[in-house]
Structure formats: structure tokens, C-alpha cells
Amino acid sequence: MRYYFHLESGTNIHIDPRGVDFERRTDVINHASAMARDLGDDERWVGWSLRVIDEGNAEVFCVPIRASVLSTK
């Protein structure tokens, strides 16, 4: 099944036009979690959400993007 990963703020949205195929829901969750973690390293995305939509246009879940708490020092 194809899943789309849209980025949303209170006033903006970035649509994922291509999506990614996954066979297992756990792989979708892991992919979205990794994306949200990576985006949290860039303060421009903090406060946005990663909304996951399936190929039937149904929302699967939404992950908030938060600032990374890990330090690289």
C-alpha cells in the first residue's frame, strides 16, 4: 500500500505527491517516526506535524515534530 507523508503547520501544508510503498504498518510507523526525528533537528520544522495518509486518502496517524533533545557535544 502507498502512504503519503504530508507536512502541516497551523497555516501551511507541504503535500507529498509521490508517497512510499510499505507492506507492513510497523514499517510506516518507523519511517514516519524517523522522519519526524530528523526534521526535529531543524528548528524551522519544530511545531509542524507529519500527517500520514494512505492511498485511499484516509489518515493513518499524525506525528508532531518536536525539537531534538539529543546533543552532539
N, C-alpha and C. Protein backbone atom coordinates (compact mmCIF):
# COMPACT_ATOMS: atom_id res chain seq x y z
N MET A 1 0.86 -1.18 0.00
CA MET A 1 0.00 0.00 0.00
C MET A 1 0.90 1.23 0.00
N ARG A 2 0.46 2.26 -0.68
CA ARG A 2 1.22 3.51 -0.75
C ARG A 2 0.75 4.45 0.36
N TYR A 3 1.73 5.12 0.98
CA TYR A 3 1.46 6.08 2.04
C TYR A 3 2.11 7.40 1.68
N TYR A 4 1.44 8.48 2.07
CA TYR A 4 1.91 9.83 1.79
C TYR A 4 2.21 10.52 3.11
N PHE A 5 3.28 11.31 3.12
CA PHE A 5 3.76 11.95 4.33
C PHE A 5 3.71 13.46 4.14
N HIS A 6 2.59 14.06 4.57
CA HIS A 6 2.38 15.49 4.40
C HIS A 6 2.88 16.24 5.63
N LEU A 7 3.50 17.39 5.40
CA LEU A 7 3.94 18.25 6.49
C LEU A 7 2.95 19.39 6.65
N GLU A 8 2.51 19.62 7.90
CA GLU A 8 1.48 20.64 8.15
C GLU A 8 1.85 21.50 9.35
N SER A 9 1.59 22.79 9.20
CA SER A 9 1.65 23.71 10.34
C SER A 9 0.24 24.27 10.49
N GLY A 10 0.09 25.25 11.34
CA GLY A 10 -1.23 25.84 11.51
C GLY A 10 -1.72 26.56 10.26
N THR A 11 -0.78 27.01 9.42
CA THR A 11 -1.16 27.81 8.25
C THR A 11 -0.61 27.30 6.92
N ASN A 12 0.26 26.30 6.96
CA ASN A 12 0.90 25.81 5.73
C ASN A 12 0.81 24.29 5.63
N ILE A 13 0.92 23.81 4.40
CA ILE A 13 0.97 22.36 4.17
C ILE A 13 1.90 22.09 2.99
N HIS A 14 2.72 21.07 3.15
CA HIS A 14 3.57 20.58 2.07
C HIS A 14 3.09 19.17 1.75
N ILE A 15 2.51 19.01 0.58
CA ILE A 15 1.94 17.73 0.15
C ILE A 15 3.05 16.83 -0.41
N ASP A 16 3.03 15.59 0.00
CA ASP A 16 3.92 14.57 -0.56
C ASP A 16 3.22 14.00 -1.79
N PRO A 17 3.65 14.36 -3.00
CA PRO A 17 2.95 13.91 -4.21
C PRO A 17 3.29 12.48 -4.64
N ARG A 18 4.40 11.95 -4.14
CA ARG A 18 4.85 10.63 -4.61
C ARG A 18 4.48 9.49 -3.68
N GLY A 19 4.64 9.70 -2.38
CA GLY A 19 4.37 8.63 -1.43
C GLY A 19 5.43 7.54 -1.47
N VAL A 20 5.26 6.57 -0.57
CA VAL A 20 6.18 5.45 -0.44
C VAL A 20 5.35 4.20 -0.22
N ASP A 21 5.75 3.10 -0.86
CA ASP A 21 5.06 1.82 -0.68
C ASP A 21 5.62 1.07 0.52
N PHE A 22 4.71 0.57 1.36
CA PHE A 22 5.07 -0.27 2.50
C PHE A 22 4.10 -1.43 2.56
N GLU A 23 4.60 -2.59 2.94
CA GLU A 23 3.74 -3.75 3.11
C GLU A 23 3.21 -3.86 4.53
N ARG A 24 4.03 -3.40 5.49
CA ARG A 24 3.64 -3.55 6.90
C ARG A 24 3.43 -2.18 7.55
N ARG A 25 2.40 -2.10 8.36
CA ARG A 25 2.10 -0.85 9.06
C ARG A 25 3.23 -0.45 10.00
N THR A 26 3.90 -1.41 10.61
CA THR A 26 5.02 -1.07 11.50
C THR A 26 6.13 -0.36 10.74
N ASP A 27 6.33 -0.70 9.48
CA ASP A 27 7.34 0.00 8.67
C ASP A 27 6.93 1.45 8.40
N VAL A 28 5.64 1.68 8.23
CA VAL A 28 5.13 3.05 8.04
C VAL A 28 5.38 3.87 9.30
N ILE A 29 5.07 3.29 10.45
CA ILE A 29 5.26 3.97 11.73
C ILE A 29 6.74 4.29 11.94
N ASN A 30 7.60 3.32 11.68
CA ASN A 30 9.04 3.54 11.85
C ASN A 30 9.56 4.62 10.91
N HIS A 31 9.09 4.62 9.67
CA HIS A 31 9.50 5.63 8.69
C HIS A 31 9.05 7.03 9.13
N ALA A 32 7.81 7.16 9.54
CA ALA A 32 7.28 8.46 9.98
C ALA A 32 8.00 8.94 11.23
N SER A 33 8.27 8.04 12.16
CA SER A 33 8.98 8.43 13.39
C SER A 33 10.38 8.92 13.08
N ALA A 34 11.08 8.23 12.18
CA ALA A 34 12.43 8.65 11.79
C ALA A 34 12.40 10.00 11.08
N MET A 35 11.41 10.20 10.21
CA MET A 35 11.28 11.49 9.53
C MET A 35 11.06 12.62 10.53
N ALA A 36 10.15 12.40 11.49
CA ALA A 36 9.85 13.43 12.49
C ALA A 36 11.07 13.73 13.34
N ARG A 37 11.83 12.70 13.71
CA ARG A 37 13.06 12.89 14.48
C ARG A 37 14.07 13.71 13.69
N ASP A 38 14.27 13.35 12.43
CA ASP A 38 15.23 14.07 11.59
C ASP A 38 14.81 15.52 11.39
N LEU A 39 13.54 15.74 11.14
CA LEU A 39 13.04 17.11 10.95
C LEU A 39 13.15 17.92 12.23
N GLY A 40 13.06 17.27 13.39
CA GLY A 40 13.18 17.96 14.68
C GLY A 40 14.56 18.54 14.92
N ASP A 41 15.54 18.10 14.14
CA ASP A 41 16.89 18.67 14.24
C ASP A 41 16.98 20.04 13.58
N ASP A 42 15.99 20.40 12.80
CA ASP A 42 15.96 21.68 12.10
C ASP A 42 14.82 22.51 12.70
N GLU A 43 15.19 23.58 13.38
CA GLU A 43 14.18 24.37 14.11
C GLU A 43 13.07 24.92 13.22
N ARG A 44 13.30 25.00 11.92
CA ARG A 44 12.24 25.50 11.02
C ARG A 44 11.02 24.59 11.00
N TRP A 45 11.20 23.29 11.32
CA TRP A 45 10.10 22.34 11.26
C TRP A 45 9.46 22.08 12.62
N VAL A 46 10.10 22.54 13.69
CA VAL A 46 9.56 22.30 15.03
C VAL A 46 8.20 22.99 15.15
N GLY A 47 7.21 22.25 15.65
CA GLY A 47 5.85 22.76 15.77
C GLY A 47 4.95 22.31 14.62
N TRP A 48 5.55 21.78 13.57
CA TRP A 48 4.78 21.22 12.46
C TRP A 48 4.36 19.80 12.82
N SER A 49 3.56 19.19 11.97
CA SER A 49 3.15 17.80 12.14
C SER A 49 3.38 17.05 10.84
N LEU A 50 3.66 15.77 10.97
CA LEU A 50 3.80 14.87 9.83
C LEU A 50 2.54 14.02 9.80
N ARG A 51 1.68 14.28 8.81
CA ARG A 51 0.41 13.57 8.70
C ARG A 51 0.55 12.46 7.65
N VAL A 52 0.25 11.24 8.07
CA VAL A 52 0.39 10.08 7.19
C VAL A 52 -0.98 9.70 6.65
N ILE A 53 -1.07 9.64 5.31
CA ILE A 53 -2.32 9.36 4.61
C ILE A 53 -2.11 8.11 3.75
N ASP A 54 -3.10 7.21 3.72
CA ASP A 54 -2.95 6.03 2.87
C ASP A 54 -3.47 6.31 1.46
N GLU A 55 -3.32 5.34 0.57
CA GLU A 55 -3.70 5.54 -0.83
C GLU A 55 -5.20 5.73 -1.02
N GLY A 56 -6.00 5.41 -0.02
CA GLY A 56 -7.43 5.66 -0.07
C GLY A 56 -7.81 7.02 0.48
N ASN A 57 -6.78 7.85 0.77
CA ASN A 57 -6.93 9.20 1.31
C ASN A 57 -7.45 9.21 2.75
N ALA A 58 -7.23 8.12 3.48
CA ALA A 58 -7.61 8.06 4.89
C ALA A 58 -6.39 8.37 5.75
N GLU A 59 -6.60 9.18 6.78
CA GLU A 59 -5.49 9.47 7.70
C GLU A 59 -5.15 8.22 8.50
N VAL A 60 -3.88 7.89 8.54
CA VAL A 60 -3.40 6.75 9.30
C VAL A 60 -3.02 7.21 10.70
N PHE A 61 -2.22 8.26 10.78
CA PHE A 61 -1.88 8.89 12.06
C PHE A 61 -1.13 10.18 11.78
N CYS A 62 -0.87 10.92 12.85
CA CYS A 62 -0.19 12.20 12.76
C CYS A 62 0.90 12.23 13.84
N VAL A 63 2.10 12.66 13.45
CA VAL A 63 3.24 12.71 14.37
C VAL A 63 3.67 14.16 14.52
N PRO A 64 3.70 14.69 15.74
CA PRO A 64 4.20 16.06 15.93
C PRO A 64 5.72 16.09 15.76
N ILE A 65 6.21 17.18 15.20
CA ILE A 65 7.66 17.36 15.06
C ILE A 65 8.12 18.22 16.23
N ARG A 66 8.98 17.65 17.02
CA ARG A 66 9.49 18.32 18.22
C ARG A 66 10.99 18.50 18.10
N ALA A 67 11.52 19.45 18.86
CA ALA A 67 12.97 19.68 18.85
C ALA A 67 13.69 18.46 19.38
N SER A 68 14.80 18.16 18.75
CA SER A 68 15.63 17.05 19.20
C SER A 68 16.22 17.39 20.56
N VAL A 69 16.19 16.43 21.47
CA VAL A 69 16.74 16.67 22.81
C VAL A 69 18.14 16.11 22.95
N LEU A 70 18.64 15.46 21.92
CA LEU A 70 19.99 14.89 21.97
C LEU A 70 21.01 15.94 21.60
N SER A 71 22.11 15.93 22.29
CA SER A 71 23.19 16.86 22.00
C SER A 71 24.31 16.10 21.30
N THR A 72 24.99 16.76 20.38
CA THR A 72 26.11 16.13 19.69
C THR A 72 27.44 16.58 20.27
N LYS A 73 27.42 17.24 21.41
CA LYS A 73 28.66 17.71 22.05
C LYS A 73 29.39 16.57 22.71
